[in-house]
């Protein structure tokens, strides 16, 4: 298992859920929901970079939305492009499969007694927690970093 804190990122059209794990990469916890920037602004990217610096993240784990059959969805290109924009700032970014993360988050919040209306502010964070926890659990079990890296301006980092 590679050491170091990581951020989990759930990219949505309007909001970005953010989670983090401890430097031992054991437990993912919610951090915040970032409003998605519009019209080419990079306020969302700047905020994610601030959070990465604050938590001394060695890597950002971005959810890669795929259909249940593993094919691209309407959100796939958007998430990949967004991950590339982050990596363009020289930050290590890894795309990991996020199938059913939002559905799982909705079920967990419903089971905790949160109504659909009360879920809205935290659903993206909960999905980011699921994405990151799945990634660190998979790496711990297999010894192999999950997903794939996104090349940075400095060149691709080893997987």
N, C-alpha and C. Protein backbone atom coordinates (compact mmCIF):
# COMPACT_ATOMS: atom_id res chain seq x y z
N UNK A 1 0.86 -1.19 0.00
CA UNK A 1 0.00 0.00 0.00
C UNK A 1 0.90 1.24 0.00
N UNK A 2 0.65 2.10 -0.96
CA UNK A 2 1.40 3.34 -1.01
C UNK A 2 0.96 4.25 0.13
N UNK A 3 1.89 4.83 0.86
CA UNK A 3 1.50 5.74 1.95
C UNK A 3 1.08 7.09 1.40
N UNK A 4 0.39 7.86 2.20
CA UNK A 4 0.05 9.23 1.85
C UNK A 4 -1.44 9.48 1.82
N UNK A 5 -1.79 10.69 2.26
CA UNK A 5 -3.19 11.12 2.21
C UNK A 5 -3.60 11.30 0.76
N UNK A 6 -4.88 11.10 0.50
CA UNK A 6 -5.42 11.28 -0.84
C UNK A 6 -6.75 12.02 -0.72
N UNK A 7 -7.11 12.69 -1.80
CA UNK A 7 -8.45 13.27 -1.89
C UNK A 7 -9.26 12.44 -2.86
N UNK A 8 -10.51 12.21 -2.53
CA UNK A 8 -11.46 11.57 -3.43
C UNK A 8 -12.34 12.65 -4.03
N UNK A 9 -12.58 12.57 -5.33
CA UNK A 9 -13.32 13.61 -6.04
C UNK A 9 -14.47 12.97 -6.82
N UNK A 10 -15.70 13.42 -6.55
CA UNK A 10 -16.87 13.01 -7.32
C UNK A 10 -17.29 14.21 -8.16
N UNK A 11 -17.02 14.15 -9.47
CA UNK A 11 -17.29 15.27 -10.37
C UNK A 11 -18.72 15.21 -10.86
N UNK A 12 -19.46 16.27 -10.60
CA UNK A 12 -20.82 16.40 -11.12
C UNK A 12 -20.92 17.64 -11.98
N UNK A 13 -22.03 17.79 -12.65
CA UNK A 13 -22.22 18.97 -13.51
C UNK A 13 -22.33 20.26 -12.71
N UNK A 14 -22.94 20.21 -11.52
CA UNK A 14 -23.14 21.41 -10.71
C UNK A 14 -22.26 21.45 -9.47
N UNK A 15 -21.91 20.27 -8.93
CA UNK A 15 -21.18 20.20 -7.68
C UNK A 15 -20.09 19.14 -7.76
N UNK A 16 -19.08 19.31 -6.92
CA UNK A 16 -17.98 18.36 -6.83
C UNK A 16 -17.87 17.93 -5.37
N UNK A 17 -18.06 16.65 -5.12
CA UNK A 17 -17.91 16.12 -3.78
C UNK A 17 -16.45 15.83 -3.50
N UNK A 18 -16.01 16.16 -2.28
CA UNK A 18 -14.61 15.95 -1.90
C UNK A 18 -14.56 15.16 -0.60
N UNK A 19 -13.68 14.16 -0.59
CA UNK A 19 -13.41 13.37 0.61
C UNK A 19 -11.89 13.29 0.76
N UNK A 20 -11.44 12.85 1.91
CA UNK A 20 -10.00 12.67 2.12
C UNK A 20 -9.79 11.41 2.94
N UNK A 21 -8.57 10.91 2.89
CA UNK A 21 -8.20 9.82 3.78
C UNK A 21 -6.97 10.23 4.56
N UNK A 22 -6.70 9.51 5.61
CA UNK A 22 -5.55 9.77 6.46
C UNK A 22 -4.27 9.36 5.73
N UNK A 23 -3.10 9.80 6.22
CA UNK A 23 -1.83 9.45 5.57
C UNK A 23 -1.55 7.95 5.50
N UNK A 24 -2.18 7.17 6.35
CA UNK A 24 -2.02 5.71 6.29
C UNK A 24 -2.98 5.07 5.29
N UNK A 25 -3.84 5.88 4.68
CA UNK A 25 -4.82 5.43 3.68
C UNK A 25 -5.69 4.30 4.21
N UNK A 26 -6.30 4.57 5.36
CA UNK A 26 -7.17 3.57 5.98
C UNK A 26 -8.64 3.95 5.86
N UNK A 27 -8.98 5.20 6.16
CA UNK A 27 -10.38 5.59 6.25
C UNK A 27 -10.64 6.88 5.48
N UNK A 28 -11.66 6.87 4.63
CA UNK A 28 -12.09 8.06 3.89
C UNK A 28 -13.20 8.76 4.66
N UNK A 29 -13.13 10.07 4.70
CA UNK A 29 -14.15 10.89 5.38
C UNK A 29 -14.53 12.06 4.48
N UNK A 30 -15.76 12.58 4.62
CA UNK A 30 -16.18 13.72 3.80
C UNK A 30 -15.43 14.99 4.17
N UNK A 31 -15.23 15.86 3.18
CA UNK A 31 -14.57 17.15 3.42
C UNK A 31 -15.53 18.30 3.12
N UNK A 32 -15.92 18.44 1.87
CA UNK A 32 -16.83 19.53 1.49
C UNK A 32 -17.37 19.29 0.09
N UNK A 33 -18.35 20.11 -0.27
CA UNK A 33 -18.88 20.12 -1.62
C UNK A 33 -18.47 21.44 -2.25
N UNK A 34 -17.84 21.36 -3.42
CA UNK A 34 -17.35 22.54 -4.13
C UNK A 34 -18.30 22.81 -5.30
N UNK A 35 -18.69 24.06 -5.45
CA UNK A 35 -19.56 24.43 -6.58
C UNK A 35 -18.74 24.35 -7.86
N UNK A 36 -19.29 23.73 -8.87
CA UNK A 36 -18.62 23.59 -10.16
C UNK A 36 -18.57 24.95 -10.85
N UNK A 37 -17.42 25.35 -11.31
CA UNK A 37 -17.25 26.63 -12.01
C UNK A 37 -17.88 26.56 -13.39
N UNK A 38 -18.29 27.72 -13.88
CA UNK A 38 -18.89 27.82 -15.21
C UNK A 38 -18.09 28.80 -16.05
N UNK A 39 -18.28 28.71 -17.35
CA UNK A 39 -17.69 29.66 -18.30
C UNK A 39 -16.17 29.75 -18.20
N UNK A 40 -15.51 28.60 -18.02
CA UNK A 40 -14.06 28.59 -18.05
C UNK A 40 -13.37 29.10 -16.80
N UNK A 41 -14.15 29.50 -15.78
CA UNK A 41 -13.52 29.90 -14.52
C UNK A 41 -12.85 28.67 -13.94
N UNK A 42 -11.84 28.87 -13.13
CA UNK A 42 -11.16 27.74 -12.50
C UNK A 42 -11.25 27.78 -10.98
N UNK A 43 -12.29 28.43 -10.45
CA UNK A 43 -12.43 28.51 -8.99
C UNK A 43 -12.53 27.12 -8.38
N UNK A 44 -13.19 26.19 -9.07
CA UNK A 44 -13.32 24.82 -8.56
C UNK A 44 -11.95 24.13 -8.52
N UNK A 45 -11.17 24.28 -9.57
CA UNK A 45 -9.84 23.67 -9.61
C UNK A 45 -8.96 24.29 -8.52
N UNK A 46 -9.02 25.62 -8.39
CA UNK A 46 -8.21 26.29 -7.36
C UNK A 46 -8.57 25.77 -5.97
N UNK A 47 -9.86 25.59 -5.70
CA UNK A 47 -10.28 25.10 -4.38
C UNK A 47 -9.77 23.68 -4.15
N UNK A 48 -9.84 22.83 -5.17
CA UNK A 48 -9.34 21.46 -5.01
C UNK A 48 -7.84 21.45 -4.77
N UNK A 49 -7.11 22.33 -5.44
CA UNK A 49 -5.66 22.42 -5.22
C UNK A 49 -5.36 22.93 -3.81
N UNK A 50 -6.17 23.87 -3.31
CA UNK A 50 -6.02 24.34 -1.93
C UNK A 50 -6.23 23.20 -0.94
N UNK A 51 -7.29 22.41 -1.17
CA UNK A 51 -7.58 21.28 -0.29
C UNK A 51 -6.45 20.24 -0.36
N UNK A 52 -5.95 19.99 -1.56
CA UNK A 52 -4.85 19.03 -1.72
C UNK A 52 -3.63 19.49 -0.91
N UNK A 53 -3.34 20.79 -0.96
CA UNK A 53 -2.21 21.32 -0.19
C UNK A 53 -2.49 21.26 1.31
N UNK A 54 -3.70 21.63 1.70
CA UNK A 54 -4.07 21.63 3.12
C UNK A 54 -3.93 20.24 3.74
N UNK A 55 -4.37 19.21 3.02
CA UNK A 55 -4.33 17.85 3.55
C UNK A 55 -3.07 17.09 3.12
N UNK A 56 -2.15 17.81 2.45
CA UNK A 56 -0.90 17.21 1.99
C UNK A 56 -1.16 15.93 1.21
N UNK A 57 -2.12 16.03 0.28
CA UNK A 57 -2.52 14.87 -0.52
C UNK A 57 -1.43 14.51 -1.53
N UNK A 58 -1.11 13.24 -1.58
CA UNK A 58 -0.13 12.75 -2.54
C UNK A 58 -0.77 12.48 -3.89
N UNK A 59 -2.10 12.40 -3.91
CA UNK A 59 -2.82 12.03 -5.13
C UNK A 59 -4.28 12.43 -5.00
N UNK A 60 -4.89 12.77 -6.13
CA UNK A 60 -6.33 13.00 -6.18
C UNK A 60 -6.95 11.84 -6.94
N UNK A 61 -7.93 11.20 -6.32
CA UNK A 61 -8.62 10.05 -6.91
C UNK A 61 -9.96 10.55 -7.43
N UNK A 62 -10.08 10.60 -8.76
CA UNK A 62 -11.27 11.14 -9.40
C UNK A 62 -12.13 9.99 -9.90
N UNK A 63 -13.42 10.04 -9.58
CA UNK A 63 -14.34 9.02 -10.04
C UNK A 63 -14.47 9.03 -11.55
N UNK A 64 -14.41 7.84 -12.14
CA UNK A 64 -14.53 7.66 -13.59
C UNK A 64 -15.89 7.03 -13.86
N UNK A 65 -16.88 7.85 -14.24
CA UNK A 65 -18.23 7.32 -14.41
C UNK A 65 -18.36 6.45 -15.66
N UNK A 66 -18.71 5.21 -15.44
CA UNK A 66 -18.94 4.25 -16.53
C UNK A 66 -20.31 3.62 -16.32
N UNK A 67 -20.86 3.08 -17.38
CA UNK A 67 -22.13 2.37 -17.26
C UNK A 67 -21.87 1.03 -16.56
N UNK A 68 -22.92 0.34 -16.19
CA UNK A 68 -22.75 -0.96 -15.54
C UNK A 68 -22.01 -1.95 -16.43
N UNK A 69 -22.12 -1.78 -17.76
CA UNK A 69 -21.41 -2.68 -18.67
C UNK A 69 -19.97 -2.25 -18.90
N UNK A 70 -19.57 -1.10 -18.33
CA UNK A 70 -18.19 -0.64 -18.46
C UNK A 70 -17.95 0.31 -19.61
N UNK A 71 -19.01 0.72 -20.28
CA UNK A 71 -18.86 1.65 -21.40
C UNK A 71 -19.01 3.09 -20.93
N UNK A 72 -18.57 4.01 -21.78
CA UNK A 72 -18.65 5.44 -21.45
C UNK A 72 -20.11 5.88 -21.31
N UNK A 73 -20.31 6.88 -20.46
CA UNK A 73 -21.63 7.47 -20.26
C UNK A 73 -21.54 8.94 -20.67
N UNK A 74 -22.64 9.65 -20.53
CA UNK A 74 -22.64 11.09 -20.84
C UNK A 74 -21.68 11.85 -19.93
N UNK A 75 -21.44 11.35 -18.75
CA UNK A 75 -20.57 12.04 -17.79
C UNK A 75 -19.10 11.65 -17.90
N UNK A 76 -18.79 10.61 -18.65
CA UNK A 76 -17.42 10.11 -18.70
C UNK A 76 -16.45 11.15 -19.24
N UNK A 77 -16.74 11.72 -20.40
CA UNK A 77 -15.83 12.69 -21.02
C UNK A 77 -15.64 13.90 -20.11
N UNK A 78 -16.71 14.35 -19.45
CA UNK A 78 -16.62 15.50 -18.56
C UNK A 78 -15.67 15.21 -17.40
N UNK A 79 -15.80 14.05 -16.78
CA UNK A 79 -14.93 13.70 -15.65
C UNK A 79 -13.48 13.55 -16.09
N UNK A 80 -13.25 12.93 -17.24
CA UNK A 80 -11.88 12.76 -17.74
C UNK A 80 -11.26 14.11 -18.06
N UNK A 81 -12.04 15.00 -18.69
CA UNK A 81 -11.53 16.34 -19.01
C UNK A 81 -11.21 17.10 -17.73
N UNK A 82 -12.09 17.00 -16.74
CA UNK A 82 -11.87 17.68 -15.46
C UNK A 82 -10.62 17.15 -14.78
N UNK A 83 -10.44 15.83 -14.76
CA UNK A 83 -9.24 15.23 -14.18
C UNK A 83 -7.99 15.73 -14.89
N UNK A 84 -8.08 15.87 -16.21
CA UNK A 84 -6.95 16.39 -16.98
C UNK A 84 -6.62 17.82 -16.62
N UNK A 85 -7.65 18.63 -16.36
CA UNK A 85 -7.41 20.02 -15.94
C UNK A 85 -6.69 20.07 -14.61
N UNK A 86 -7.05 19.19 -13.69
CA UNK A 86 -6.35 19.15 -12.39
C UNK A 86 -4.90 18.72 -12.61
N UNK A 87 -4.70 17.66 -13.38
CA UNK A 87 -3.36 17.14 -13.63
C UNK A 87 -2.50 18.18 -14.34
N UNK A 88 -3.13 19.05 -15.10
CA UNK A 88 -2.40 20.12 -15.78
C UNK A 88 -1.69 21.07 -14.84
N UNK A 89 -2.05 21.00 -13.56
CA UNK A 89 -1.39 21.82 -12.54
C UNK A 89 -0.27 21.06 -11.84
N UNK A 90 0.11 19.90 -12.40
CA UNK A 90 1.23 19.15 -11.85
C UNK A 90 0.87 18.27 -10.67
N UNK A 91 -0.42 18.04 -10.45
CA UNK A 91 -0.88 17.22 -9.32
C UNK A 91 -1.12 15.79 -9.81
N UNK A 92 -0.73 14.82 -9.01
CA UNK A 92 -0.97 13.42 -9.36
C UNK A 92 -2.47 13.13 -9.30
N UNK A 93 -3.01 12.62 -10.41
CA UNK A 93 -4.44 12.33 -10.51
C UNK A 93 -4.61 10.91 -11.02
N UNK A 94 -5.52 10.19 -10.39
CA UNK A 94 -5.83 8.81 -10.78
C UNK A 94 -7.33 8.71 -11.01
N UNK A 95 -7.73 8.18 -12.16
CA UNK A 95 -9.14 7.92 -12.46
C UNK A 95 -9.48 6.51 -11.99
N UNK A 96 -10.54 6.38 -11.20
CA UNK A 96 -10.98 5.06 -10.74
C UNK A 96 -12.46 4.87 -11.02
N UNK A 97 -12.83 3.65 -11.31
CA UNK A 97 -14.21 3.28 -11.60
C UNK A 97 -15.11 3.72 -10.45
N UNK A 98 -16.18 4.41 -10.78
CA UNK A 98 -17.10 4.86 -9.73
C UNK A 98 -18.51 4.31 -9.90
N UNK A 99 -18.65 3.23 -10.62
CA UNK A 99 -19.99 2.68 -10.86
C UNK A 99 -20.76 2.52 -9.55
N UNK A 100 -21.96 3.04 -9.55
CA UNK A 100 -22.92 2.94 -8.44
C UNK A 100 -22.52 3.72 -7.18
N UNK A 101 -21.51 4.58 -7.24
CA UNK A 101 -21.11 5.32 -6.04
C UNK A 101 -22.23 6.24 -5.56
N UNK A 102 -22.87 6.97 -6.46
CA UNK A 102 -23.93 7.88 -6.05
C UNK A 102 -25.15 7.10 -5.57
N UNK A 103 -25.47 6.01 -6.23
CA UNK A 103 -26.59 5.17 -5.80
C UNK A 103 -26.32 4.61 -4.41
N UNK A 104 -25.09 4.13 -4.18
CA UNK A 104 -24.72 3.60 -2.86
C UNK A 104 -24.79 4.69 -1.81
N UNK A 105 -24.35 5.90 -2.16
CA UNK A 105 -24.41 7.02 -1.21
C UNK A 105 -25.85 7.36 -0.87
N UNK A 106 -26.73 7.37 -1.88
CA UNK A 106 -28.15 7.66 -1.64
C UNK A 106 -28.77 6.63 -0.71
N UNK A 107 -28.46 5.37 -0.94
CA UNK A 107 -29.00 4.31 -0.07
C UNK A 107 -28.49 4.45 1.35
N UNK A 108 -27.22 4.75 1.51
CA UNK A 108 -26.64 4.91 2.85
C UNK A 108 -27.26 6.10 3.58
N UNK A 109 -27.44 7.20 2.88
CA UNK A 109 -28.04 8.38 3.51
C UNK A 109 -29.50 8.14 3.85
N UNK A 110 -30.22 7.44 2.96
CA UNK A 110 -31.62 7.11 3.24
C UNK A 110 -31.70 6.21 4.47
N UNK A 111 -30.80 5.23 4.56
CA UNK A 111 -30.78 4.32 5.71
C UNK A 111 -30.46 5.07 7.00
N UNK A 112 -29.73 6.18 6.88
CA UNK A 112 -29.40 7.00 8.05
C UNK A 112 -30.52 7.98 8.39
N UNK A 113 -31.62 7.93 7.63
CA UNK A 113 -32.77 8.78 7.93
C UNK A 113 -32.78 10.12 7.24
N UNK A 114 -31.92 10.33 6.26
CA UNK A 114 -31.89 11.61 5.53
C UNK A 114 -32.91 11.56 4.39
N UNK A 115 -33.79 12.55 4.33
CA UNK A 115 -34.74 12.64 3.23
C UNK A 115 -34.00 13.06 1.97
N UNK A 116 -34.64 12.89 0.83
CA UNK A 116 -34.01 13.28 -0.45
C UNK A 116 -33.61 14.75 -0.43
N UNK A 117 -34.43 15.59 0.16
CA UNK A 117 -34.13 17.03 0.23
C UNK A 117 -32.92 17.29 1.11
N UNK A 118 -32.80 16.57 2.20
CA UNK A 118 -31.66 16.76 3.11
C UNK A 118 -30.39 16.11 2.59
N UNK A 119 -30.52 15.19 1.63
CA UNK A 119 -29.35 14.54 1.05
C UNK A 119 -28.57 15.47 0.13
N UNK A 120 -29.26 16.39 -0.54
CA UNK A 120 -28.64 17.19 -1.59
C UNK A 120 -27.31 17.84 -1.17
N UNK A 121 -27.21 18.47 0.00
CA UNK A 121 -25.94 19.13 0.34
C UNK A 121 -24.78 18.15 0.60
N UNK A 122 -25.08 16.90 0.91
CA UNK A 122 -24.01 15.97 1.29
C UNK A 122 -23.85 14.76 0.37
N UNK A 123 -24.75 14.60 -0.61
CA UNK A 123 -24.70 13.41 -1.45
C UNK A 123 -23.39 13.32 -2.23
N UNK A 124 -22.89 14.46 -2.71
CA UNK A 124 -21.64 14.45 -3.48
C UNK A 124 -20.45 14.08 -2.61
N UNK A 125 -20.46 14.56 -1.37
CA UNK A 125 -19.39 14.19 -0.43
C UNK A 125 -19.45 12.70 -0.12
N UNK A 126 -20.66 12.20 0.09
CA UNK A 126 -20.82 10.77 0.40
C UNK A 126 -20.34 9.91 -0.78
N UNK A 127 -20.64 10.34 -2.00
CA UNK A 127 -20.17 9.60 -3.18
C UNK A 127 -18.64 9.66 -3.26
N UNK A 128 -18.05 10.81 -2.94
CA UNK A 128 -16.59 10.93 -2.95
C UNK A 128 -15.96 10.01 -1.91
N UNK A 129 -16.60 9.88 -0.75
CA UNK A 129 -16.11 8.95 0.29
C UNK A 129 -16.12 7.52 -0.26
N UNK A 130 -17.21 7.14 -0.91
CA UNK A 130 -17.33 5.78 -1.45
C UNK A 130 -16.26 5.53 -2.52
N UNK A 131 -16.05 6.49 -3.41
CA UNK A 131 -15.03 6.37 -4.45
C UNK A 131 -13.65 6.17 -3.83
N UNK A 132 -13.30 7.03 -2.89
CA UNK A 132 -11.97 6.97 -2.27
C UNK A 132 -11.80 5.71 -1.42
N UNK A 133 -12.82 5.37 -0.63
CA UNK A 133 -12.70 4.17 0.21
C UNK A 133 -12.56 2.92 -0.64
N UNK A 134 -13.31 2.85 -1.72
CA UNK A 134 -13.19 1.71 -2.63
C UNK A 134 -11.77 1.63 -3.20
N UNK A 135 -11.23 2.77 -3.60
CA UNK A 135 -9.88 2.79 -4.20
C UNK A 135 -8.82 2.34 -3.19
N UNK A 136 -8.88 2.85 -1.96
CA UNK A 136 -7.85 2.46 -0.99
C UNK A 136 -8.03 1.01 -0.54
N UNK A 137 -9.27 0.55 -0.43
CA UNK A 137 -9.51 -0.85 -0.07
C UNK A 137 -9.01 -1.79 -1.17
N UNK A 138 -9.26 -1.42 -2.43
CA UNK A 138 -8.81 -2.25 -3.55
C UNK A 138 -7.29 -2.32 -3.60
N UNK A 139 -6.64 -1.18 -3.37
CA UNK A 139 -5.17 -1.17 -3.38
C UNK A 139 -4.61 -1.99 -2.21
N UNK A 140 -5.23 -1.86 -1.06
CA UNK A 140 -4.76 -2.62 0.11
C UNK A 140 -4.90 -4.12 -0.14
N UNK A 141 -5.99 -4.53 -0.77
CA UNK A 141 -6.25 -5.95 -1.02
C UNK A 141 -5.34 -6.53 -2.10
N UNK A 142 -5.08 -5.74 -3.14
CA UNK A 142 -4.33 -6.28 -4.29
C UNK A 142 -2.86 -5.88 -4.32
N UNK A 143 -2.53 -4.79 -3.63
CA UNK A 143 -1.17 -4.28 -3.70
C UNK A 143 -0.91 -3.49 -4.96
N UNK A 144 -1.94 -3.27 -5.77
CA UNK A 144 -1.82 -2.55 -7.03
C UNK A 144 -2.70 -1.31 -6.97
N UNK A 145 -2.14 -0.17 -7.37
CA UNK A 145 -2.92 1.06 -7.40
C UNK A 145 -4.06 0.90 -8.40
N UNK A 146 -5.28 1.28 -8.02
CA UNK A 146 -6.44 1.09 -8.90
C UNK A 146 -6.50 2.13 -10.01
N UNK A 147 -7.28 1.82 -11.03
CA UNK A 147 -7.54 2.78 -12.09
C UNK A 147 -6.32 3.09 -12.93
N UNK A 148 -6.32 4.33 -13.44
CA UNK A 148 -5.20 4.75 -14.28
C UNK A 148 -4.82 6.19 -13.95
N UNK A 149 -3.54 6.49 -14.15
CA UNK A 149 -3.08 7.85 -13.89
C UNK A 149 -3.36 8.74 -15.09
N UNK A 150 -3.49 10.02 -14.82
CA UNK A 150 -3.64 11.03 -15.85
C UNK A 150 -2.29 11.73 -15.96
N UNK A 151 -1.73 11.81 -17.16
CA UNK A 151 -0.43 12.48 -17.31
C UNK A 151 -0.50 13.93 -16.85
N UNK A 152 0.55 14.40 -16.18
CA UNK A 152 0.64 15.79 -15.76
C UNK A 152 1.54 16.52 -16.75
N UNK A 153 1.64 17.83 -16.60
CA UNK A 153 2.54 18.60 -17.45
C UNK A 153 3.98 18.14 -17.26
N UNK A 154 4.27 17.57 -16.09
CA UNK A 154 5.62 17.10 -15.80
C UNK A 154 5.85 15.71 -16.39
N UNK A 155 4.85 15.15 -17.03
CA UNK A 155 4.94 13.79 -17.55
C UNK A 155 4.16 12.86 -16.67
N UNK A 156 3.85 11.67 -17.17
CA UNK A 156 3.05 10.73 -16.37
C UNK A 156 3.84 10.23 -15.17
N UNK A 157 3.12 10.04 -14.08
CA UNK A 157 3.73 9.46 -12.90
C UNK A 157 3.54 7.96 -12.97
N UNK A 158 4.41 7.19 -12.37
CA UNK A 158 4.25 5.74 -12.41
C UNK A 158 2.96 5.29 -11.75
N UNK A 159 2.34 4.24 -12.29
CA UNK A 159 1.10 3.70 -11.72
C UNK A 159 1.37 2.94 -10.46
